[in-house]
N, C-alpha and C. Protein backbone atom coordinates (compact mmCIF):
# COMPACT_ATOMS: atom_id res chain seq x y z
N UNK A 1 59.26 37.28 -8.08
CA UNK A 1 58.85 36.05 -8.74
C UNK A 1 57.63 36.38 -9.61
N UNK A 2 57.66 35.93 -10.83
CA UNK A 2 56.53 36.18 -11.73
C UNK A 2 55.36 35.26 -11.40
N UNK A 3 54.20 35.61 -11.91
CA UNK A 3 53.01 34.76 -11.70
C UNK A 3 53.25 33.36 -12.24
N UNK A 4 53.86 33.28 -13.41
CA UNK A 4 54.12 31.98 -14.02
C UNK A 4 55.06 31.14 -13.16
N UNK A 5 56.10 31.78 -12.64
CA UNK A 5 57.05 31.06 -11.78
C UNK A 5 56.38 30.59 -10.50
N UNK A 6 55.56 31.47 -9.92
CA UNK A 6 54.87 31.11 -8.68
C UNK A 6 53.95 29.90 -8.90
N UNK A 7 53.14 29.96 -9.95
CA UNK A 7 52.21 28.87 -10.23
C UNK A 7 52.95 27.58 -10.53
N UNK A 8 54.01 27.66 -11.32
CA UNK A 8 54.80 26.47 -11.62
C UNK A 8 55.38 25.86 -10.34
N UNK A 9 55.94 26.70 -9.49
CA UNK A 9 56.52 26.23 -8.23
C UNK A 9 55.44 25.59 -7.35
N UNK A 10 54.30 26.25 -7.26
CA UNK A 10 53.20 25.73 -6.44
C UNK A 10 52.75 24.36 -6.95
N UNK A 11 52.55 24.24 -8.25
CA UNK A 11 52.08 22.96 -8.81
C UNK A 11 53.12 21.86 -8.66
N UNK A 12 54.40 22.21 -8.77
CA UNK A 12 55.44 21.20 -8.57
C UNK A 12 55.44 20.70 -7.13
N UNK A 13 55.30 21.63 -6.17
CA UNK A 13 55.22 21.23 -4.77
C UNK A 13 54.00 20.37 -4.51
N UNK A 14 52.85 20.79 -5.05
CA UNK A 14 51.60 20.06 -4.84
C UNK A 14 51.64 18.68 -5.47
N UNK A 15 52.16 18.60 -6.68
CA UNK A 15 52.20 17.29 -7.36
C UNK A 15 53.12 16.32 -6.63
N UNK A 16 54.11 16.83 -5.91
CA UNK A 16 54.99 15.97 -5.13
C UNK A 16 54.25 15.25 -4.02
N UNK A 17 53.16 15.83 -3.55
CA UNK A 17 52.36 15.19 -2.51
C UNK A 17 51.57 14.00 -3.04
N UNK A 18 51.33 13.97 -4.33
CA UNK A 18 50.47 12.95 -4.93
C UNK A 18 51.23 11.80 -5.56
N UNK A 19 52.53 11.91 -5.64
CA UNK A 19 53.32 10.86 -6.29
C UNK A 19 53.46 9.66 -5.36
N UNK A 20 53.00 8.49 -5.82
CA UNK A 20 53.13 7.31 -4.95
C UNK A 20 54.60 6.88 -4.83
N UNK A 21 54.93 6.41 -3.65
CA UNK A 21 56.24 5.81 -3.43
C UNK A 21 56.06 4.68 -2.43
N UNK A 22 57.06 3.88 -2.25
CA UNK A 22 56.94 2.71 -1.38
C UNK A 22 56.55 3.07 0.05
N UNK A 23 57.12 4.13 0.57
CA UNK A 23 56.81 4.53 1.95
C UNK A 23 55.33 4.90 2.09
N UNK A 24 54.81 5.68 1.14
CA UNK A 24 53.41 6.07 1.18
C UNK A 24 52.50 4.86 1.06
N UNK A 25 52.82 3.96 0.17
CA UNK A 25 52.01 2.76 -0.03
C UNK A 25 51.99 1.92 1.25
N UNK A 26 53.13 1.74 1.88
CA UNK A 26 53.20 0.98 3.12
C UNK A 26 52.38 1.64 4.23
N UNK A 27 52.43 2.96 4.32
CA UNK A 27 51.64 3.66 5.33
C UNK A 27 50.15 3.48 5.09
N UNK A 28 49.73 3.55 3.84
CA UNK A 28 48.32 3.35 3.53
C UNK A 28 47.86 1.94 3.84
N UNK A 29 48.71 0.96 3.61
CA UNK A 29 48.38 -0.43 3.94
C UNK A 29 48.26 -0.58 5.46
N UNK A 30 49.13 0.08 6.22
CA UNK A 30 49.04 0.02 7.69
C UNK A 30 47.74 0.66 8.18
N UNK A 31 47.36 1.78 7.57
CA UNK A 31 46.09 2.42 7.95
C UNK A 31 44.93 1.47 7.66
N UNK A 32 44.92 0.87 6.47
CA UNK A 32 43.86 -0.07 6.13
C UNK A 32 43.81 -1.22 7.12
N UNK A 33 44.96 -1.78 7.45
CA UNK A 33 44.99 -2.89 8.40
C UNK A 33 44.50 -2.48 9.77
N UNK A 34 44.85 -1.26 10.18
CA UNK A 34 44.36 -0.76 11.47
C UNK A 34 42.84 -0.62 11.47
N UNK A 35 42.29 -0.10 10.39
CA UNK A 35 40.84 0.07 10.29
C UNK A 35 40.13 -1.29 10.28
N UNK A 36 40.71 -2.26 9.60
CA UNK A 36 40.12 -3.61 9.60
C UNK A 36 40.17 -4.22 10.99
N UNK A 37 41.24 -3.97 11.71
CA UNK A 37 41.37 -4.48 13.09
C UNK A 37 40.32 -3.85 14.00
N UNK A 38 40.09 -2.56 13.81
CA UNK A 38 39.06 -1.87 14.59
C UNK A 38 37.70 -2.51 14.34
N UNK A 39 37.38 -2.75 13.07
CA UNK A 39 36.09 -3.36 12.73
C UNK A 39 35.98 -4.77 13.30
N UNK A 40 37.06 -5.54 13.18
CA UNK A 40 37.08 -6.91 13.67
C UNK A 40 36.80 -6.97 15.16
N UNK A 41 37.30 -6.00 15.91
CA UNK A 41 37.14 -5.98 17.36
C UNK A 41 35.93 -5.16 17.81
N UNK A 42 35.07 -4.81 16.85
CA UNK A 42 33.85 -4.06 17.14
C UNK A 42 34.13 -2.78 17.93
N UNK A 43 35.17 -2.08 17.52
CA UNK A 43 35.54 -0.80 18.15
C UNK A 43 35.11 0.33 17.24
N UNK A 44 35.48 1.56 17.57
CA UNK A 44 35.11 2.69 16.73
C UNK A 44 36.31 3.58 16.44
N UNK A 45 36.19 4.30 15.33
CA UNK A 45 37.20 5.25 14.91
C UNK A 45 36.55 6.63 14.93
N UNK A 46 37.19 7.60 15.54
CA UNK A 46 36.70 8.97 15.53
C UNK A 46 37.42 9.73 14.42
N UNK A 47 36.63 10.33 13.55
CA UNK A 47 37.18 11.09 12.43
C UNK A 47 36.57 12.48 12.49
N UNK A 48 37.39 13.50 12.52
CA UNK A 48 36.85 14.85 12.65
C UNK A 48 37.75 15.85 11.95
N UNK A 49 37.21 17.03 11.74
CA UNK A 49 37.95 18.10 11.12
C UNK A 49 37.23 19.41 11.36
N UNK A 50 37.83 20.47 10.87
CA UNK A 50 37.28 21.80 11.02
C UNK A 50 37.24 22.45 9.64
N UNK A 51 36.10 23.01 9.26
CA UNK A 51 35.99 23.65 7.95
C UNK A 51 36.03 22.62 6.84
N UNK A 52 36.91 22.85 5.87
CA UNK A 52 37.03 21.91 4.75
C UNK A 52 37.46 20.53 5.20
N UNK A 53 38.26 20.47 6.24
CA UNK A 53 38.69 19.17 6.78
C UNK A 53 37.52 18.40 7.35
N UNK A 54 36.51 19.10 7.86
CA UNK A 54 35.30 18.43 8.37
C UNK A 54 34.56 17.75 7.23
N UNK A 55 34.51 18.41 6.09
CA UNK A 55 33.85 17.81 4.92
C UNK A 55 34.60 16.56 4.46
N UNK A 56 35.92 16.63 4.47
CA UNK A 56 36.72 15.47 4.08
C UNK A 56 36.53 14.34 5.09
N UNK A 57 36.52 14.67 6.37
CA UNK A 57 36.31 13.66 7.41
C UNK A 57 34.94 13.01 7.26
N UNK A 58 33.92 13.82 6.97
CA UNK A 58 32.57 13.29 6.80
C UNK A 58 32.51 12.35 5.60
N UNK A 59 33.13 12.75 4.51
CA UNK A 59 33.14 11.89 3.31
C UNK A 59 33.89 10.59 3.60
N UNK A 60 35.02 10.67 4.28
CA UNK A 60 35.79 9.48 4.62
C UNK A 60 34.96 8.53 5.48
N UNK A 61 34.26 9.10 6.45
CA UNK A 61 33.39 8.29 7.33
C UNK A 61 32.32 7.59 6.50
N UNK A 62 31.71 8.33 5.58
CA UNK A 62 30.68 7.73 4.73
C UNK A 62 31.23 6.56 3.93
N UNK A 63 32.44 6.71 3.43
CA UNK A 63 33.06 5.63 2.64
C UNK A 63 33.36 4.42 3.52
N UNK A 64 33.73 4.64 4.76
CA UNK A 64 33.99 3.52 5.67
C UNK A 64 32.71 2.75 5.97
N UNK A 65 31.61 3.46 6.15
CA UNK A 65 30.34 2.81 6.48
C UNK A 65 29.85 1.97 5.33
N UNK A 66 30.03 2.46 4.10
CA UNK A 66 29.57 1.75 2.91
C UNK A 66 30.37 0.46 2.72
N UNK A 67 31.65 0.53 2.98
CA UNK A 67 32.52 -0.62 2.74
C UNK A 67 32.19 -1.65 3.74
């Protein structure tokens, strides 16, 4: 496989993860509703990760606190 073919294949696979569809939208709405329910009931959500995922978890937590 050439470099061009590899990069094209990689980007096509990656872009497929970002395309919105009804199933993804419904899942995101369910997550939002779950988080609102947690806040309403004065409960807590644990968000964690390792390495780069820890940075994403930390940023997500920060966004939840601000909202």
